[in-house]
């Protein structure tokens, strides 16, 4: 993890929307750092998709998040979908 980075957020989002997105970003971090509960991760992604429904914006935010943190939303979600395990844990290369 890179120290002291900011989550990519849209200032036009409501407080509830920002909470949904930051909760998702936090679980993506957890998936790399200590492992994240798969069900919580999938639920948080669903909340994220309610705020960011279009793929283009999702990809843009994902690229910004990865550039800032070093963590890939895409890889975490692919791992969450491809496993039946209760926890998702990725390695940092």
C-alpha atoms as a PDB file:
ATOM      1  CA  UNK A   1       0.000   0.000   0.000  1.00  0.00           C
ATOM      2  CA  UNK A   2       1.178   3.467  -0.799  1.00  0.00           C
ATOM      3  CA  UNK A   3       1.059   5.747   2.248  1.00  0.00           C
ATOM      4  CA  UNK A   4      -1.299   8.707   2.544  1.00  0.00           C
ATOM      5  CA  UNK A   5      -3.343   8.471  -0.624  1.00  0.00           C
ATOM      6  CA  UNK A   6      -6.872   9.682  -1.288  1.00  0.00           C
ATOM      7  CA  UNK A   7      -9.773   7.683  -2.609  1.00  0.00           C
ATOM      8  CA  UNK A   8     -11.120   8.865  -5.965  1.00  0.00           C
ATOM      9  CA  UNK A   9     -14.515  10.412  -5.183  1.00  0.00           C
ATOM     10  CA  UNK A  10     -16.994  12.640  -7.006  1.00  0.00           C
ATOM     11  CA  UNK A  11     -17.905  15.711  -4.986  1.00  0.00           C
ATOM     12  CA  UNK A  12     -21.398  15.612  -6.516  1.00  0.00           C
ATOM     13  CA  UNK A  13     -22.143  12.355  -4.691  1.00  0.00           C
ATOM     14  CA  UNK A  14     -24.318  12.433  -1.593  1.00  0.00           C
ATOM     15  CA  UNK A  15     -22.860  11.485   1.782  1.00  0.00           C
ATOM     16  CA  UNK A  16     -24.555   8.080   1.540  1.00  0.00           C
ATOM     17  CA  UNK A  17     -23.054   7.488  -1.905  1.00  0.00           C
ATOM     18  CA  UNK A  18     -19.585   8.442  -0.662  1.00  0.00           C
ATOM     19  CA  UNK A  19     -19.970   6.027   2.252  1.00  0.00           C
ATOM     20  CA  UNK A  20     -20.911   3.205  -0.146  1.00  0.00           C
ATOM     21  CA  UNK A  21     -17.931   3.877  -2.400  1.00  0.00           C
ATOM     22  CA  UNK A  22     -15.405   4.295   0.415  1.00  0.00           C
ATOM     23  CA  UNK A  23     -16.690   1.119   2.088  1.00  0.00           C
ATOM     24  CA  UNK A  24     -16.039  -0.745  -1.164  1.00  0.00           C
ATOM     25  CA  UNK A  25     -12.559   0.778  -1.562  1.00  0.00           C
ATOM     26  CA  UNK A  26     -11.761  -0.207   2.031  1.00  0.00           C
ATOM     27  CA  UNK A  27     -12.755  -3.824   1.398  1.00  0.00           C
ATOM     28  CA  UNK A  28     -10.590  -3.905  -1.737  1.00  0.00           C
ATOM     29  CA  UNK A  29      -7.672  -2.769   0.453  1.00  0.00           C
ATOM     30  CA  UNK A  30      -8.543  -5.466   2.993  1.00  0.00           C
ATOM     31  CA  UNK A  31      -8.504  -8.124   0.254  1.00  0.00           C
ATOM     32  CA  UNK A  32      -4.824  -7.327  -0.291  1.00  0.00           C
ATOM     33  CA  UNK A  33      -3.755  -6.579   3.270  1.00  0.00           C
ATOM     34  CA  UNK A  34      -5.515  -9.179   5.427  1.00  0.00           C
ATOM     35  CA  UNK A  35      -8.264 -10.785   3.384  1.00  0.00           C
ATOM     36  CA  UNK A  36     -11.884  -9.719   2.992  1.00  0.00           C
ATOM     37  CA  UNK A  37     -15.117 -11.589   3.529  1.00  0.00           C
ATOM     38  CA  UNK A  38     -16.352 -12.556   0.059  1.00  0.00           C
ATOM     39  CA  UNK A  39     -20.044 -11.893   0.826  1.00  0.00           C
ATOM     40  CA  UNK A  40     -19.268  -8.438   2.239  1.00  0.00           C
ATOM     41  CA  UNK A  41     -17.110  -7.652  -0.779  1.00  0.00           C
ATOM     42  CA  UNK A  42     -19.828  -8.654  -3.251  1.00  0.00           C
ATOM     43  CA  UNK A  43     -22.449  -6.671  -1.304  1.00  0.00           C
ATOM     44  CA  UNK A  44     -20.192  -3.604  -1.197  1.00  0.00           C
ATOM     45  CA  UNK A  45     -19.593  -3.910  -4.948  1.00  0.00           C
ATOM     46  CA  UNK A  46     -23.345  -3.963  -5.478  1.00  0.00           C
ATOM     47  CA  UNK A  47     -23.601  -0.716  -3.483  1.00  0.00           C
ATOM     48  CA  UNK A  48     -20.710   0.747  -5.482  1.00  0.00           C
ATOM     49  CA  UNK A  49     -22.511  -0.157  -8.739  1.00  0.00           C
ATOM     50  CA  UNK A  50     -25.642   1.685  -7.546  1.00  0.00           C
ATOM     51  CA  UNK A  51     -23.522   4.832  -7.283  1.00  0.00           C
ATOM     52  CA  UNK A  52     -21.385   4.152 -10.375  1.00  0.00           C
ATOM     53  CA  UNK A  53     -23.606   2.183 -12.769  1.00  0.00           C
ATOM     54  CA  UNK A  54     -21.671   2.748 -16.005  1.00  0.00           C
ATOM     55  CA  UNK A  55     -18.574   0.718 -16.904  1.00  0.00           C
ATOM     56  CA  UNK A  56     -16.608   3.704 -18.218  1.00  0.00           C
ATOM     57  CA  UNK A  57     -16.764   5.594 -14.922  1.00  0.00           C
ATOM     58  CA  UNK A  58     -16.102   2.382 -12.994  1.00  0.00           C
ATOM     59  CA  UNK A  59     -12.953   1.773 -15.033  1.00  0.00           C
ATOM     60  CA  UNK A  60     -11.805   5.380 -14.610  1.00  0.00           C
ATOM     61  CA  UNK A  61     -12.259   5.230 -10.829  1.00  0.00           C
ATOM     62  CA  UNK A  62     -10.578   1.828 -10.780  1.00  0.00           C
ATOM     63  CA  UNK A  63      -7.531   3.186 -12.629  1.00  0.00           C
ATOM     64  CA  UNK A  64      -7.324   6.181 -10.269  1.00  0.00           C
ATOM     65  CA  UNK A  65      -7.691   3.934  -7.226  1.00  0.00           C
ATOM     66  CA  UNK A  66      -4.973   1.578  -8.493  1.00  0.00           C
ATOM     67  CA  UNK A  67      -2.624   4.453  -9.347  1.00  0.00           C
ATOM     68  CA  UNK A  68      -3.110   5.890  -5.844  1.00  0.00           C
ATOM     69  CA  UNK A  69      -3.090   2.674  -3.821  1.00  0.00           C
ATOM     70  CA  UNK A  70      -1.435  -0.002  -5.943  1.00  0.00           C
ATOM     71  CA  UNK A  71      -4.552  -2.206  -5.528  1.00  0.00           C
ATOM     72  CA  UNK A  72      -6.684  -3.428  -8.436  1.00  0.00           C
ATOM     73  CA  UNK A  73     -10.473  -3.387  -8.082  1.00  0.00           C
ATOM     74  CA  UNK A  74     -10.713  -5.544 -11.198  1.00  0.00           C
ATOM     75  CA  UNK A  75      -8.445  -8.290  -9.830  1.00  0.00           C
ATOM     76  CA  UNK A  76     -10.190  -8.330  -6.459  1.00  0.00           C
ATOM     77  CA  UNK A  77     -13.637  -8.615  -8.002  1.00  0.00           C
ATOM     78  CA  UNK A  78     -12.492 -11.277 -10.462  1.00  0.00           C
ATOM     79  CA  UNK A  79     -11.083 -13.283  -7.536  1.00  0.00           C
ATOM     80  CA  UNK A  80     -14.311 -12.796  -5.542  1.00  0.00           C
ATOM     81  CA  UNK A  81     -16.422 -14.064  -8.425  1.00  0.00           C
ATOM     82  CA  UNK A  82     -14.126 -16.987  -9.272  1.00  0.00           C
ATOM     83  CA  UNK A  83     -13.880 -18.485  -5.797  1.00  0.00           C
ATOM     84  CA  UNK A  84     -16.292 -20.290  -3.536  1.00  0.00           C
ATOM     85  CA  UNK A  85     -14.095 -19.552  -0.493  1.00  0.00           C
ATOM     86  CA  UNK A  86     -15.484 -17.357   2.266  1.00  0.00           C
ATOM     87  CA  UNK A  87     -12.499 -14.966   2.156  1.00  0.00           C
ATOM     88  CA  UNK A  88     -10.742 -13.235  -0.705  1.00  0.00           C
ATOM     89  CA  UNK A  89      -6.999 -12.616  -0.280  1.00  0.00           C
ATOM     90  CA  UNK A  90      -4.666 -11.321  -2.977  1.00  0.00           C
ATOM     91  CA  UNK A  91      -0.908 -10.892  -2.933  1.00  0.00           C
ATOM     92  CA  UNK A  92       0.832  -7.629  -3.659  1.00  0.00           C
ATOM     93  CA  UNK A  93       3.466  -8.209  -6.327  1.00  0.00           C
END
